[in-house]
Protein backbone atom coordinates (compact mmCIF):
# COMPACT_ATOMS: atom_id res chain seq x y z
CA MET A 1 197.54 110.90 65.23
CA LYS A 2 197.01 114.11 63.19
CA ALA A 3 194.44 114.22 60.39
CA LEU A 4 192.43 116.55 58.19
CA VAL A 5 188.94 116.16 59.63
CA LEU A 6 185.67 117.08 57.92
CA LYS A 7 183.04 117.79 60.58
CA SER A 8 180.05 118.90 58.49
CA PRO A 9 179.05 119.77 54.90
CA GLU A 10 180.47 123.03 53.56
CA SER A 11 182.87 123.32 56.51
CA GLU A 12 186.61 123.77 56.16
CA LEU A 13 188.86 120.86 56.96
CA SER A 14 190.34 120.92 60.44
CA TYR A 15 193.89 119.70 61.11
CA GLU A 16 193.62 118.05 64.51
CA ASP A 17 194.12 114.93 66.60
CA PHE A 18 191.94 111.99 65.60
CA GLU A 19 191.81 108.47 67.01
CA LEU A 20 191.29 105.64 64.53
CA PRO A 21 189.61 102.40 65.60
CA LYS A 22 191.82 99.36 66.07
CA PRO A 23 192.46 97.30 62.91
CA GLY A 24 189.91 94.53 62.40
CA ASN A 25 190.41 91.00 61.10
CA GLY A 26 192.78 91.08 58.12
CA GLU A 27 193.33 94.82 58.38
CA VAL A 28 196.67 96.61 58.66
CA ARG A 29 197.78 100.06 59.75
CA ILE A 30 199.59 102.06 57.06
CA GLN A 31 201.88 105.00 57.78
CA VAL A 32 200.84 107.57 55.20
CA LYS A 33 203.72 109.27 53.38
CA ALA A 34 201.64 111.01 50.70
CA ALA A 35 197.97 111.23 49.69
CA ALA A 36 196.40 112.82 46.61
CA LEU A 37 193.14 114.68 46.06
CA ASN A 38 190.35 113.71 43.70
CA HIS A 39 187.28 115.70 42.65
CA ARG A 40 185.18 113.34 44.77
CA ASP A 41 186.88 114.76 47.87
CA VAL A 42 185.65 118.24 47.00
CA TRP A 43 182.16 116.92 46.19
CA ILE A 44 182.01 115.15 49.56
CA THR A 45 182.77 118.43 51.34
CA LYS A 46 179.73 119.86 49.52
CA GLY A 47 177.48 117.18 50.99
CA GLN A 48 176.92 115.40 47.66
CA TYR A 49 177.33 111.87 49.07
CA SER A 50 174.44 110.55 51.14
CA LYS A 51 176.32 107.85 53.08
CA ILE A 52 178.79 110.15 54.76
CA GLN A 53 178.94 110.23 58.55
CA TYR A 54 180.68 113.03 60.43
CA PRO A 55 183.34 113.55 61.58
CA THR A 56 185.31 111.82 58.85
CA ILE A 57 188.65 111.73 57.04
CA LEU A 58 188.71 111.95 53.25
CA GLY A 59 191.41 110.78 50.84
CA SER A 60 191.39 107.81 48.47
CA ASP A 61 194.89 107.88 46.97
CA VAL A 62 197.60 106.77 49.40
CA ALA A 63 201.25 105.75 49.33
CA GLY A 64 203.10 104.89 52.49
CA LEU A 65 204.76 102.28 54.66
CA LEU A 66 203.61 98.96 56.04
CA ASP A 67 206.39 98.48 58.56
CA ASP A 68 209.43 98.91 56.27
CA ARG A 69 207.62 97.96 53.05
CA GLU A 70 206.90 100.81 50.60
CA VAL A 71 203.30 100.39 49.48
CA ILE A 72 200.48 101.85 47.43
CA LEU A 73 196.81 101.21 48.23
CA ASN A 74 194.03 100.06 45.94
CA PRO A 75 191.20 102.39 47.02
CA GLY A 76 188.42 100.31 45.44
CA ILE A 77 187.02 98.20 48.30
CA GLY A 78 184.69 95.24 47.78
CA TRP A 79 184.57 95.12 43.98
CA GLY A 80 183.54 91.47 44.07
CA THR A 81 184.07 88.59 41.66
CA GLU A 82 182.22 90.02 38.64
CA THR A 83 184.72 91.76 36.36
CA SER A 84 182.25 93.78 34.27
CA PHE A 85 180.78 95.78 37.16
CA PRO A 86 181.30 96.14 40.93
CA HIS A 87 179.29 94.55 43.73
CA LYS A 88 176.50 96.67 45.23
CA ASP A 89 178.55 97.11 48.42
CA PHE A 90 181.58 98.45 46.56
CA HIS A 91 182.98 101.68 47.95
CA ILE A 92 186.07 103.81 47.71
CA LEU A 93 188.54 104.50 50.49
CA GLY A 94 187.78 107.83 52.15
CA MET A 95 183.98 107.50 52.40
CA PRO A 96 182.47 105.86 54.33
CA SER A 97 185.74 104.34 55.59
CA TYR A 98 188.34 106.75 57.02
CA GLY A 99 190.71 107.86 54.27
CA GLY A 100 194.29 108.88 53.78
CA PHE A 101 194.42 112.59 54.68
CA ALA A 102 196.02 111.60 57.95
CA GLU A 103 199.24 110.28 59.41
CA GLU A 104 197.83 106.73 59.33
CA VAL A 105 195.11 104.78 57.56
CA ILE A 106 193.63 101.34 58.28
CA ILE A 107 192.80 99.06 55.36
CA HIS A 108 192.48 95.36 54.57
CA SER A 109 195.76 93.74 53.58
CA ASP A 110 194.25 92.66 50.23
CA GLN A 111 194.26 96.34 49.20
CA VAL A 112 198.00 96.75 49.76
CA PHE A 113 200.43 96.56 46.81
CA ASP A 114 204.14 97.21 46.43
CA LYS A 115 204.90 100.77 45.36
CA PRO A 116 206.59 101.03 41.94
CA GLN A 117 210.21 101.65 42.86
CA HIS A 118 210.81 104.27 40.18
CA LEU A 119 208.18 106.52 41.80
CA SER A 120 208.51 108.77 44.82
CA PHE A 121 205.80 108.57 47.46
CA GLU A 122 204.25 111.75 46.05
CA GLN A 123 204.20 110.37 42.51
CA ALA A 124 202.83 107.02 43.69
CA ALA A 125 200.03 108.74 45.60
CA ALA A 126 198.98 110.40 42.34
CA LEU A 127 198.36 107.02 40.74
CA PRO A 128 195.61 104.83 42.30
CA LEU A 129 192.17 106.24 41.37
CA ALA A 130 193.26 108.02 38.22
CA GLY A 131 195.46 105.14 37.14
CA VAL A 132 192.93 102.32 37.50
CA THR A 133 190.11 104.41 35.98
CA ALA A 134 192.27 105.35 32.99
CA TYR A 135 193.53 101.77 32.60
CA ARG A 136 190.03 100.30 32.52
CA ALA A 137 188.85 102.99 30.09
CA MET A 138 191.84 102.66 27.79
CA PHE A 139 192.53 98.92 27.83
CA THR A 140 189.52 96.96 29.11
CA LYS A 141 186.86 99.09 27.43
CA GLY A 142 188.78 100.92 24.70
CA LYS A 143 191.05 98.00 23.71
CA ILE A 144 193.66 100.47 22.51
CA GLN A 145 196.05 99.47 19.72
CA ALA A 146 199.36 101.06 18.77
CA GLU A 147 198.00 102.20 15.41
CA ASP A 148 194.97 103.99 16.91
CA LYS A 149 194.22 107.67 16.70
CA VAL A 150 192.98 108.60 20.17
CA LEU A 151 191.17 111.70 21.44
CA ILE A 152 191.20 112.52 25.16
CA THR A 153 189.01 115.38 26.34
CA GLY A 154 189.65 117.64 29.31
CA ILE A 155 193.40 117.19 29.51
CA GLY A 156 194.86 118.32 32.82
CA GLY A 157 192.71 116.24 35.14
CA GLY A 158 194.18 113.18 36.79
CA VAL A 159 192.35 110.49 34.80
CA ALA A 160 192.73 112.29 31.47
CA LEU A 161 196.46 112.71 32.02
CA MET A 162 196.95 109.07 32.98
CA ALA A 163 194.97 107.97 29.92
CA PHE A 164 197.14 110.29 27.83
CA GLN A 165 200.35 108.81 29.24
CA PHE A 166 199.08 105.25 28.78
CA ALA A 167 198.11 105.94 25.16
CA LEU A 168 201.49 107.50 24.40
CA ALA A 169 203.24 104.53 26.00
CA MET A 170 201.27 102.24 23.67
CA GLY A 171 202.52 104.18 20.65
CA ALA A 172 199.13 105.62 19.71
CA THR A 173 198.69 109.02 18.06
CA VAL A 174 196.96 111.15 20.68
CA PHE A 175 194.99 114.39 20.41
CA VAL A 176 193.60 116.36 23.36
CA THR A 177 191.14 119.11 24.23
CA SER A 178 191.04 121.61 27.08
CA GLY A 179 189.61 125.03 27.84
CA SER A 180 193.06 126.19 28.95
CA PRO A 181 195.75 127.27 26.44
CA GLU A 182 198.38 126.57 29.10
CA LYS A 183 197.22 122.97 29.56
CA LEU A 184 197.12 122.46 25.79
CA ALA A 185 200.70 123.71 25.55
CA GLN A 186 201.82 121.36 28.32
CA ALA A 187 200.15 118.39 26.64
CA THR A 188 201.81 119.27 23.35
CA GLU A 189 205.19 119.33 25.09
CA MET A 190 204.43 115.86 26.45
CA GLY A 191 203.75 114.47 22.98
CA ALA A 192 200.20 115.30 21.88
CA ALA A 193 199.88 115.22 18.09
CA GLY A 194 197.25 117.95 18.24
CA ALA A 195 195.58 120.10 20.89
CA VAL A 196 192.34 122.06 20.54
CA ASN A 197 190.57 124.51 22.82
CA TYR A 198 186.98 123.29 23.26
CA ARG A 199 185.90 126.89 23.89
CA ASP A 200 186.51 127.64 20.21
CA PRO A 201 183.19 127.49 18.32
CA ASP A 202 184.76 125.34 15.60
CA TRP A 203 186.71 122.99 17.90
CA SER A 204 185.26 119.84 16.36
CA LYS A 205 186.04 121.08 12.85
CA GLN A 206 189.64 121.73 13.91
CA LEU A 207 189.98 118.18 15.21
CA LYS A 208 188.41 116.74 12.06
CA GLU A 209 190.91 118.60 9.90
CA MET A 210 193.84 117.52 12.09
CA ALA A 211 193.03 113.85 12.57
CA GLY A 212 190.41 112.88 10.02
CA GLY A 213 188.71 110.65 12.58
CA PHE A 214 189.38 108.71 15.77
CA ASN A 215 189.41 105.01 16.61
CA LEU A 216 189.04 105.73 20.32
CA ILE A 217 187.66 108.70 22.26
CA ILE A 218 187.96 108.99 26.05
CA ASP A 219 185.56 111.57 27.49
CA SER A 220 184.90 112.88 30.99
CA ALA A 221 182.49 115.71 30.25
CA GLY A 222 179.31 114.58 28.51
CA GLY A 223 177.04 117.57 27.86
CA SER A 224 176.31 119.07 24.47
CA GLY A 225 179.84 118.40 23.23
CA PHE A 226 179.42 114.63 23.48
CA SER A 227 177.19 114.39 20.41
CA GLN A 228 179.81 116.32 18.44
CA LEU A 229 182.43 113.80 19.50
CA LEU A 230 180.45 111.06 17.76
CA TYR A 231 180.88 112.85 14.43
CA LEU A 232 184.66 112.68 14.93
CA THR A 233 184.69 108.88 14.99
CA ARG A 234 185.87 106.43 12.39
CA PRO A 235 183.61 103.47 11.54
CA GLY A 236 183.83 100.87 14.31
CA ALA A 237 185.22 103.35 16.83
CA LYS A 238 184.82 103.17 20.60
CA VAL A 239 183.72 106.12 22.73
CA VAL A 240 184.39 105.59 26.43
CA THR A 241 182.86 107.91 29.03
CA TYR A 242 183.89 108.03 32.69
CA GLY A 243 182.38 111.35 33.78
CA GLY A 244 179.60 113.85 33.25
CA SER A 245 180.89 117.21 34.42
CA LYS A 246 179.00 119.03 31.63
CA GLY A 247 175.72 117.30 32.35
CA VAL A 248 173.13 115.49 30.24
CA VAL A 249 173.91 114.62 26.61
CA PRO A 250 171.31 116.02 24.16
CA ASP A 251 170.66 115.28 20.50
CA ILE A 252 172.43 111.98 19.87
CA SER A 253 171.80 110.53 16.42
CA PRO A 254 171.06 106.79 16.61
CA GLN A 255 171.60 106.58 12.85
CA LEU A 256 175.17 107.79 13.28
CA ILE A 257 175.77 105.16 15.95
CA PHE A 258 174.42 102.18 14.03
CA TRP A 259 175.67 103.12 10.55
CA ARG A 260 179.19 103.65 11.87
CA GLN A 261 178.91 100.60 14.14
CA LEU A 262 180.04 102.66 17.12
CA SER A 263 180.47 101.32 20.65
CA ILE A 264 179.58 103.77 23.43
CA LEU A 265 180.91 102.44 26.72
CA GLY A 266 180.63 103.60 30.31
CA THR A 267 183.30 102.94 32.89
CA SER A 268 184.31 103.89 36.42
CA MET A 269 187.13 102.71 38.66
CA GLY A 270 188.34 99.14 38.07
CA SER A 271 188.65 95.64 39.48
CA PRO A 272 191.51 94.38 41.68
CA ARG A 273 192.99 92.60 38.66
CA GLU A 274 192.89 95.80 36.62
CA PHE A 275 194.60 97.65 39.48
CA ALA A 276 197.38 95.04 39.54
CA ASN A 277 197.69 95.11 35.74
CA MET A 278 197.83 98.91 35.80
CA LEU A 279 200.71 98.82 38.28
CA SER A 280 202.56 96.29 36.10
CA PHE A 281 202.12 98.52 33.05
CA VAL A 282 203.38 101.56 34.99
CA ARG A 283 206.44 99.60 36.14
CA GLU A 284 207.25 98.16 32.72
CA ARG A 285 206.89 101.47 30.87
CA LYS A 286 208.38 103.55 33.70
CA ILE A 287 205.38 105.89 33.62
CA VAL A 288 205.54 108.79 36.08
CA PRO A 289 202.22 110.41 37.07
CA ILE A 290 202.11 114.19 36.80
CA VAL A 291 202.04 116.03 40.13
CA ASP A 292 200.81 119.61 39.84
CA SER A 293 201.78 120.68 43.33
CA THR A 294 202.44 119.34 46.81
CA PHE A 295 201.10 120.69 50.11
CA ASP A 296 201.81 119.87 53.74
CA LEU A 297 199.04 117.82 55.32
CA ALA A 298 198.38 120.63 57.79
CA ASP A 299 197.84 122.99 54.85
CA GLY A 300 195.42 120.70 53.03
CA GLN A 301 192.65 123.30 52.79
CA ARG A 302 194.80 125.19 50.25
CA ALA A 303 194.97 122.07 48.09
CA PHE A 304 191.17 121.85 48.14
CA ALA A 305 190.95 125.51 47.10
CA ARG A 306 193.25 124.88 44.13
CA MET A 307 191.17 121.85 43.12
CA GLU A 308 188.03 123.99 43.11
CA GLU A 309 189.76 126.61 40.95
CA GLY A 310 190.39 123.92 38.33
CA LEU A 311 193.80 125.29 37.38
CA GLN A 312 195.85 122.19 38.13
CA PHE A 313 197.68 120.14 35.52
CA GLY A 314 198.04 116.79 37.22
CA LYS A 315 197.42 115.71 40.78
CA LEU A 316 197.40 117.70 44.00
CA VAL A 317 199.27 115.83 46.71
CA LEU A 318 199.40 116.15 50.48
CA ALA A 319 202.77 115.09 51.85
CA GLY A 320 205.24 116.01 54.52
CA VAL A 321 203.86 113.31 56.80
CA ASP A 322 206.52 111.94 59.18
């Protein structure tokens, strides 16, 4: 079969023949119709994951065919029985196991779910990692209610956009931030009640004037802006973090946290039950993930370049797999 193969850190992906091992006990062979990128794929190419063995195939988000059945794959492997956190052996499809940037992928049958029928293969491939991460952040941790005012930072990324769509589907009033005027305009067109550029020195003041305060904040950045987010909360609010792209958080006031009775919650990925519940929610509400652009599998290096530029609004998908 053909695949995008990573042979060493910092090397470009090579489109070439690759032989997968035979499926093991309980495993099935999936014909890949579309696969989406995540930031972790770029980080792996930079050598930031210690367990990687070369050569390898990346790609965690996959939609395809199991015989004639249209399927979507849960990329979270080995979560375990504890719902609050994953087992120590938990890993994500695409490292160390061979991933979906290929014509075929092998995975245990427990990870295979029916594709939502209202989604194309490309749209379905945009869903797994972003969808389950956003679902756990928004519902399990954030316990969103229809009357909530919600702030989602960094709109344009896959998880932030899915969280945005989930919150809108729940009937919440949603505000967003981004460093891109274009992304803010797109989010406003989709239904954001307010959109603020976090590069503005007074961004937090703007949000305070717009919303008054938030019941739920979903953040992917951390960094110095995180402490400012806490001042935008209402008493009893929840602040859920699933990323740290801006680094360490300085200068948090414990007094602010305990006087306002705030809950600061960390989250990443989700359990098999949350993945199934996320798919049910997507089906019921007819939610369609945002696809920024689609590339042929053979041209996957261009998709990685666009991911590194950070200009995308939605997911980058590799398709055109026969």
